[in-house]
Amino acid sequence: MTKGDKLLILTIIVVNVLALIFINQSLFSYEEKYISIQVNGEEIKTITFDDNMIGKTIPIKSDYGYNLIEIGDGKVRVIEADCPDQLDVKQGYISKVGEIIVCLPNRLVVEIKGVGVETEIDGISR
């Protein structure tokens, strides 16, 4: 392998890494994030991240159990639950679009969703 071959391979790698970074930033950029709270598959509450929501707690009481959700600065977590395993409480904060907290015994799903810029590329071609 000559110096020219090594330089060509290095150039191709650098261009590919830069292209991946650009594509990742453009496909996964969101204007606004919000929290979707679902119980038994039904969305019961949506909360937009806002400065006046920081530190607020939201009790979720259902026929399946009780959870207490805390909203932070662009993040959310479950701080209290009456389920036996407490996996949702132990998970801690989530902050990225697509991350979820699930409490199976209480049938609770807390998900961060995003409202983003429309792109020409759909989910299948990603």
N, C-alpha and C. Protein backbone atom coordinates (compact mmCIF):
# COMPACT_ATOMS: atom_id res chain seq x y z
N MET A 1 0.84 -1.17 0.00
CA MET A 1 0.00 0.00 0.00
C MET A 1 0.90 1.25 0.00
N THR A 2 0.63 2.11 -0.93
CA THR A 2 1.45 3.31 -1.06
C THR A 2 0.87 4.44 -0.20
N LYS A 3 1.64 5.53 -0.13
CA LYS A 3 1.17 6.70 0.63
C LYS A 3 -0.11 7.25 0.01
N GLY A 4 -0.20 7.22 -1.29
CA GLY A 4 -1.39 7.71 -1.99
C GLY A 4 -2.63 6.89 -1.63
N ASP A 5 -2.47 5.56 -1.54
CA ASP A 5 -3.59 4.70 -1.16
C ASP A 5 -4.06 5.01 0.26
N LYS A 6 -3.11 5.17 1.17
CA LYS A 6 -3.46 5.48 2.56
C LYS A 6 -4.16 6.83 2.66
N LEU A 7 -3.68 7.81 1.90
CA LEU A 7 -4.30 9.13 1.90
C LEU A 7 -5.72 9.07 1.34
N LEU A 8 -5.91 8.28 0.29
CA LEU A 8 -7.24 8.13 -0.31
C LEU A 8 -8.20 7.47 0.68
N ILE A 9 -7.78 6.43 1.36
CA ILE A 9 -8.62 5.75 2.35
C ILE A 9 -8.96 6.69 3.50
N LEU A 10 -7.99 7.43 3.99
CA LEU A 10 -8.22 8.39 5.07
C LEU A 10 -9.21 9.47 4.64
N THR A 11 -9.07 9.96 3.42
CA THR A 11 -9.99 10.98 2.91
C THR A 11 -11.41 10.44 2.82
N ILE A 12 -11.58 9.23 2.34
CA ILE A 12 -12.91 8.62 2.23
C ILE A 12 -13.53 8.45 3.61
N ILE A 13 -12.74 8.02 4.58
CA ILE A 13 -13.26 7.84 5.95
C ILE A 13 -13.70 9.18 6.53
N VAL A 14 -12.90 10.22 6.37
CA VAL A 14 -13.24 11.54 6.91
C VAL A 14 -14.51 12.08 6.26
N VAL A 15 -14.63 11.94 4.95
CA VAL A 15 -15.83 12.42 4.24
C VAL A 15 -17.06 11.66 4.72
N ASN A 16 -16.95 10.35 4.91
CA ASN A 16 -18.08 9.55 5.39
C ASN A 16 -18.50 9.95 6.80
N VAL A 17 -17.55 10.17 7.67
CA VAL A 17 -17.88 10.58 9.05
C VAL A 17 -18.56 11.94 9.05
N LEU A 18 -18.06 12.88 8.27
CA LEU A 18 -18.69 14.20 8.19
C LEU A 18 -20.10 14.11 7.60
N ALA A 19 -20.30 13.25 6.61
CA ALA A 19 -21.63 13.07 6.03
C ALA A 19 -22.59 12.47 7.05
N LEU A 20 -22.13 11.51 7.83
CA LEU A 20 -22.97 10.92 8.88
C LEU A 20 -23.38 11.95 9.92
N ILE A 21 -22.45 12.78 10.32
CA ILE A 21 -22.76 13.83 11.31
C ILE A 21 -23.80 14.79 10.74
N PHE A 22 -23.63 15.21 9.50
CA PHE A 22 -24.57 16.14 8.88
C PHE A 22 -25.95 15.52 8.74
N ILE A 23 -26.03 14.28 8.28
CA ILE A 23 -27.32 13.60 8.11
C ILE A 23 -27.99 13.41 9.46
N ASN A 24 -27.24 13.02 10.46
CA ASN A 24 -27.80 12.81 11.80
C ASN A 24 -28.38 14.11 12.35
N GLN A 25 -27.68 15.21 12.18
CA GLN A 25 -28.16 16.50 12.69
C GLN A 25 -29.41 16.96 11.95
N SER A 26 -29.46 16.74 10.65
CA SER A 26 -30.60 17.24 9.88
C SER A 26 -31.83 16.36 10.06
N LEU A 27 -31.66 15.05 10.24
CA LEU A 27 -32.81 14.16 10.38
C LEU A 27 -33.40 14.18 11.78
N PHE A 28 -32.58 14.39 12.76
CA PHE A 28 -33.06 14.28 14.13
C PHE A 28 -33.05 15.61 14.87
N SER A 29 -33.29 16.69 14.14
CA SER A 29 -33.39 17.98 14.81
C SER A 29 -34.86 18.29 15.03
N TYR A 30 -35.18 18.70 16.22
CA TYR A 30 -36.56 18.96 16.58
C TYR A 30 -36.69 20.39 17.09
N GLU A 31 -37.76 21.04 16.64
CA GLU A 31 -38.01 22.40 17.10
C GLU A 31 -38.44 22.41 18.55
N GLU A 32 -39.17 21.39 18.94
CA GLU A 32 -39.75 21.37 20.28
C GLU A 32 -39.89 19.92 20.75
N LYS A 33 -39.60 19.69 22.04
CA LYS A 33 -39.81 18.37 22.63
C LYS A 33 -40.98 18.44 23.59
N TYR A 34 -41.69 17.33 23.71
CA TYR A 34 -42.77 17.27 24.69
C TYR A 34 -42.85 15.87 25.29
N ILE A 35 -43.54 15.77 26.41
CA ILE A 35 -43.69 14.51 27.13
C ILE A 35 -45.07 13.95 26.83
N SER A 36 -45.10 12.67 26.48
CA SER A 36 -46.37 11.97 26.28
C SER A 36 -46.51 10.94 27.40
N ILE A 37 -47.60 11.04 28.16
CA ILE A 37 -47.85 10.10 29.25
C ILE A 37 -49.04 9.24 28.85
N GLN A 38 -48.81 7.93 28.85
CA GLN A 38 -49.85 6.98 28.44
C GLN A 38 -50.10 5.97 29.54
N VAL A 39 -51.36 5.62 29.73
CA VAL A 39 -51.73 4.55 30.65
C VAL A 39 -52.59 3.57 29.88
N ASN A 40 -52.20 2.30 29.90
CA ASN A 40 -52.92 1.23 29.22
C ASN A 40 -53.09 1.54 27.73
N GLY A 41 -52.08 2.14 27.12
CA GLY A 41 -52.09 2.42 25.69
C GLY A 41 -52.81 3.69 25.28
N GLU A 42 -53.42 4.40 26.20
CA GLU A 42 -54.13 5.63 25.88
C GLU A 42 -53.34 6.84 26.40
N GLU A 43 -53.14 7.81 25.53
CA GLU A 43 -52.43 9.02 25.94
C GLU A 43 -53.35 9.85 26.84
N ILE A 44 -52.91 10.05 28.09
CA ILE A 44 -53.75 10.78 29.04
C ILE A 44 -53.27 12.22 29.24
N LYS A 45 -52.01 12.49 28.87
CA LYS A 45 -51.49 13.84 29.10
C LYS A 45 -50.29 14.08 28.19
N THR A 46 -50.20 15.30 27.66
CA THR A 46 -49.00 15.74 26.95
C THR A 46 -48.54 17.04 27.61
N ILE A 47 -47.24 17.14 27.81
CA ILE A 47 -46.67 18.30 28.49
C ILE A 47 -45.49 18.81 27.67
N THR A 48 -45.54 20.07 27.32
CA THR A 48 -44.44 20.71 26.61
C THR A 48 -43.39 21.16 27.62
N PHE A 49 -42.13 20.91 27.29
CA PHE A 49 -41.06 21.39 28.17
C PHE A 49 -41.09 22.92 28.17
N ASP A 50 -41.14 23.49 29.35
CA ASP A 50 -41.25 24.94 29.50
C ASP A 50 -40.52 25.32 30.78
N ASP A 51 -40.02 26.54 30.85
CA ASP A 51 -39.29 26.99 32.04
C ASP A 51 -40.13 26.94 33.30
N ASN A 52 -41.43 27.22 33.18
CA ASN A 52 -42.27 27.21 34.39
C ASN A 52 -42.68 25.80 34.80
N MET A 53 -42.30 24.77 34.02
CA MET A 53 -42.61 23.39 34.38
C MET A 53 -41.46 22.71 35.14
N ILE A 54 -40.30 23.35 35.17
CA ILE A 54 -39.13 22.75 35.83
C ILE A 54 -39.42 22.56 37.31
N GLY A 55 -39.21 21.35 37.80
CA GLY A 55 -39.43 21.04 39.21
C GLY A 55 -40.84 20.61 39.55
N LYS A 56 -41.75 20.67 38.59
CA LYS A 56 -43.14 20.28 38.85
C LYS A 56 -43.26 18.77 38.91
N THR A 57 -44.17 18.31 39.75
CA THR A 57 -44.47 16.88 39.83
C THR A 57 -45.91 16.65 39.38
N ILE A 58 -46.10 15.53 38.70
CA ILE A 58 -47.42 15.20 38.17
C ILE A 58 -47.80 13.82 38.69
N PRO A 59 -48.83 13.73 39.52
CA PRO A 59 -49.29 12.42 39.99
C PRO A 59 -50.15 11.75 38.92
N ILE A 60 -49.89 10.48 38.69
CA ILE A 60 -50.68 9.69 37.75
C ILE A 60 -51.33 8.57 38.54
N LYS A 61 -52.63 8.68 38.72
CA LYS A 61 -53.39 7.65 39.44
C LYS A 61 -54.30 6.97 38.43
N SER A 62 -54.27 5.65 38.42
CA SER A 62 -55.15 4.90 37.52
C SER A 62 -55.63 3.65 38.25
N ASP A 63 -56.43 2.87 37.56
CA ASP A 63 -56.90 1.61 38.13
C ASP A 63 -55.76 0.62 38.34
N TYR A 64 -54.63 0.87 37.67
CA TYR A 64 -53.51 -0.07 37.71
C TYR A 64 -52.46 0.31 38.75
N GLY A 65 -52.45 1.55 39.22
CA GLY A 65 -51.46 1.94 40.21
C GLY A 65 -51.21 3.44 40.22
N TYR A 66 -50.15 3.82 40.94
CA TYR A 66 -49.80 5.22 41.16
C TYR A 66 -48.35 5.46 40.78
N ASN A 67 -48.10 6.55 40.06
CA ASN A 67 -46.75 6.99 39.74
C ASN A 67 -46.68 8.50 39.92
N LEU A 68 -45.52 8.98 40.34
CA LEU A 68 -45.30 10.42 40.47
C LEU A 68 -44.17 10.79 39.52
N ILE A 69 -44.46 11.69 38.59
CA ILE A 69 -43.51 12.07 37.55
C ILE A 69 -42.98 13.46 37.86
N GLU A 70 -41.65 13.64 37.71
CA GLU A 70 -41.01 14.93 37.94
C GLU A 70 -40.42 15.45 36.63
N ILE A 71 -40.66 16.71 36.36
CA ILE A 71 -40.14 17.34 35.14
C ILE A 71 -38.94 18.20 35.51
N GLY A 72 -37.85 17.99 34.79
CA GLY A 72 -36.64 18.79 34.98
C GLY A 72 -36.43 19.71 33.79
N ASP A 73 -35.24 20.22 33.66
CA ASP A 73 -34.89 21.12 32.57
C ASP A 73 -34.64 20.31 31.30
N GLY A 74 -35.68 20.08 30.52
CA GLY A 74 -35.57 19.28 29.30
C GLY A 74 -35.48 17.80 29.55
N LYS A 75 -35.87 17.36 30.74
CA LYS A 75 -35.81 15.94 31.08
C LYS A 75 -36.96 15.59 32.00
N VAL A 76 -37.21 14.29 32.15
CA VAL A 76 -38.32 13.82 32.97
C VAL A 76 -37.94 12.48 33.60
N ARG A 77 -38.53 12.20 34.77
CA ARG A 77 -38.28 10.93 35.44
C ARG A 77 -39.48 10.57 36.31
N VAL A 78 -39.53 9.30 36.70
CA VAL A 78 -40.52 8.84 37.67
C VAL A 78 -39.81 8.82 39.01
N ILE A 79 -40.36 9.53 40.01
CA ILE A 79 -39.69 9.59 41.31
C ILE A 79 -40.36 8.71 42.36
N GLU A 80 -41.58 8.27 42.07
CA GLU A 80 -42.30 7.45 43.04
C GLU A 80 -43.28 6.55 42.30
N ALA A 81 -43.39 5.30 42.74
CA ALA A 81 -44.33 4.37 42.14
C ALA A 81 -44.70 3.31 43.17
N ASP A 82 -45.91 2.75 43.02
CA ASP A 82 -46.32 1.71 43.95
C ASP A 82 -46.14 0.30 43.36
N CYS A 83 -45.37 0.18 42.30
CA CYS A 83 -45.09 -1.13 41.71
C CYS A 83 -44.00 -1.83 42.53
N PRO A 84 -43.98 -3.16 42.51
CA PRO A 84 -43.02 -3.88 43.37
C PRO A 84 -41.56 -3.78 42.93
N ASP A 85 -41.28 -3.72 41.63
CA ASP A 85 -39.88 -3.77 41.19
C ASP A 85 -39.18 -2.41 41.12
N GLN A 86 -39.93 -1.31 41.01
CA GLN A 86 -39.39 0.05 41.01
C GLN A 86 -38.40 0.32 39.86
N LEU A 87 -38.49 -0.44 38.77
CA LEU A 87 -37.57 -0.24 37.66
C LEU A 87 -37.73 1.13 37.01
N ASP A 88 -38.95 1.63 36.98
CA ASP A 88 -39.18 2.95 36.39
C ASP A 88 -38.54 4.06 37.23
N VAL A 89 -38.54 3.90 38.53
CA VAL A 89 -37.91 4.88 39.43
C VAL A 89 -36.39 4.80 39.30
N LYS A 90 -35.86 3.58 39.22
CA LYS A 90 -34.41 3.38 39.14
C LYS A 90 -33.83 3.85 37.81
N GLN A 91 -34.66 3.95 36.77
CA GLN A 91 -34.17 4.34 35.45
C GLN A 91 -33.63 5.77 35.44
N GLY A 92 -34.20 6.64 36.22
CA GLY A 92 -33.72 8.02 36.28
C GLY A 92 -34.28 8.87 35.15
N TYR A 93 -33.58 9.95 34.85
CA TYR A 93 -34.05 10.92 33.86
C TYR A 93 -33.90 10.39 32.44
N ILE A 94 -34.84 10.80 31.58
CA ILE A 94 -34.70 10.65 30.14
C ILE A 94 -34.80 12.05 29.54
N SER A 95 -34.07 12.28 28.44
CA SER A 95 -34.05 13.64 27.89
C SER A 95 -34.05 13.69 26.37
N LYS A 96 -33.86 12.57 25.70
CA LYS A 96 -33.76 12.57 24.24
C LYS A 96 -35.06 12.09 23.62
N VAL A 97 -35.37 12.62 22.46
CA VAL A 97 -36.57 12.21 21.74
C VAL A 97 -36.47 10.72 21.43
N GLY A 98 -37.53 10.00 21.74
CA GLY A 98 -37.58 8.56 21.51
C GLY A 98 -37.31 7.73 22.76
N GLU A 99 -36.73 8.33 23.79
CA GLU A 99 -36.50 7.60 25.03
C GLU A 99 -37.81 7.42 25.78
N ILE A 100 -37.93 6.28 26.46
CA ILE A 100 -39.16 6.00 27.19
C ILE A 100 -38.86 5.43 28.57
N ILE A 101 -39.81 5.63 29.46
CA ILE A 101 -39.82 4.98 30.77
C ILE A 101 -41.10 4.15 30.79
N VAL A 102 -40.97 2.89 31.18
CA VAL A 102 -42.13 2.00 31.19
C VAL A 102 -42.29 1.40 32.58
N CYS A 103 -43.51 1.41 33.09
CA CYS A 103 -43.86 0.72 34.33
C CYS A 103 -44.91 -0.32 33.94
N LEU A 104 -44.48 -1.56 33.77
CA LEU A 104 -45.40 -2.60 33.30
C LEU A 104 -46.54 -2.89 34.27
N PRO A 105 -46.28 -3.02 35.58
CA PRO A 105 -47.40 -3.32 36.49
C PRO A 105 -48.48 -2.24 36.47
N ASN A 106 -48.08 -0.99 36.31
CA ASN A 106 -49.04 0.12 36.30
C ASN A 106 -49.47 0.52 34.89
N ARG A 107 -48.94 -0.17 33.89
CA ARG A 107 -49.26 0.08 32.48
C ARG A 107 -49.01 1.53 32.07
N LEU A 108 -47.92 2.07 32.59
CA LEU A 108 -47.56 3.47 32.34
C LEU A 108 -46.41 3.55 31.35
N VAL A 109 -46.52 4.47 30.40
CA VAL A 109 -45.43 4.77 29.47
C VAL A 109 -45.23 6.28 29.46
N VAL A 110 -44.00 6.71 29.74
CA VAL A 110 -43.63 8.12 29.65
C VAL A 110 -42.62 8.21 28.51
N GLU A 111 -42.95 8.98 27.49
CA GLU A 111 -42.10 9.05 26.30
C GLU A 111 -41.83 10.50 25.94
N ILE A 112 -40.60 10.75 25.48
CA ILE A 112 -40.28 12.08 24.97
C ILE A 112 -40.44 12.04 23.46
N LYS A 113 -41.26 12.94 22.96
CA LYS A 113 -41.52 13.03 21.53
C LYS A 113 -41.06 14.39 21.04
N GLY A 114 -40.91 14.50 19.73
CA GLY A 114 -40.45 15.76 19.17
C GLY A 114 -41.33 16.25 18.04
N VAL A 115 -41.46 17.55 17.98
CA VAL A 115 -42.12 18.21 16.85
C VAL A 115 -40.99 18.80 16.05
N GLY A 116 -40.77 18.27 14.84
CA GLY A 116 -39.59 18.69 14.10
C GLY A 116 -39.89 19.28 12.76
N VAL A 117 -38.82 19.59 12.09
CA VAL A 117 -38.89 20.13 10.74
C VAL A 117 -39.19 18.97 9.80
N GLU A 118 -40.12 19.19 8.87
CA GLU A 118 -40.45 18.16 7.90
C GLU A 118 -39.26 17.92 6.98
N THR A 119 -38.95 16.64 6.74
CA THR A 119 -37.89 16.30 5.82
C THR A 119 -38.47 15.48 4.68
N GLU A 120 -37.73 15.40 3.59
CA GLU A 120 -38.19 14.63 2.45
C GLU A 120 -37.93 13.15 2.64
N ILE A 121 -37.09 12.79 3.58
CA ILE A 121 -36.76 11.40 3.82
C ILE A 121 -37.72 10.86 4.86
N ASP A 122 -38.36 9.73 4.56
CA ASP A 122 -39.30 9.16 5.52
C ASP A 122 -38.58 8.19 6.46
N GLY A 123 -39.32 7.64 7.41
CA GLY A 123 -38.74 6.77 8.42
C GLY A 123 -38.17 5.49 7.87
N ILE A 124 -38.71 4.98 6.78
CA ILE A 124 -38.24 3.72 6.22
C ILE A 124 -36.86 3.89 5.58
N SER A 125 -36.63 5.00 4.93
CA SER A 125 -35.36 5.19 4.23
C SER A 125 -34.23 5.66 5.13
N ARG A 126 -34.53 5.89 6.42
CA ARG A 126 -33.47 6.27 7.35
C ARG A 126 -32.61 5.09 7.53
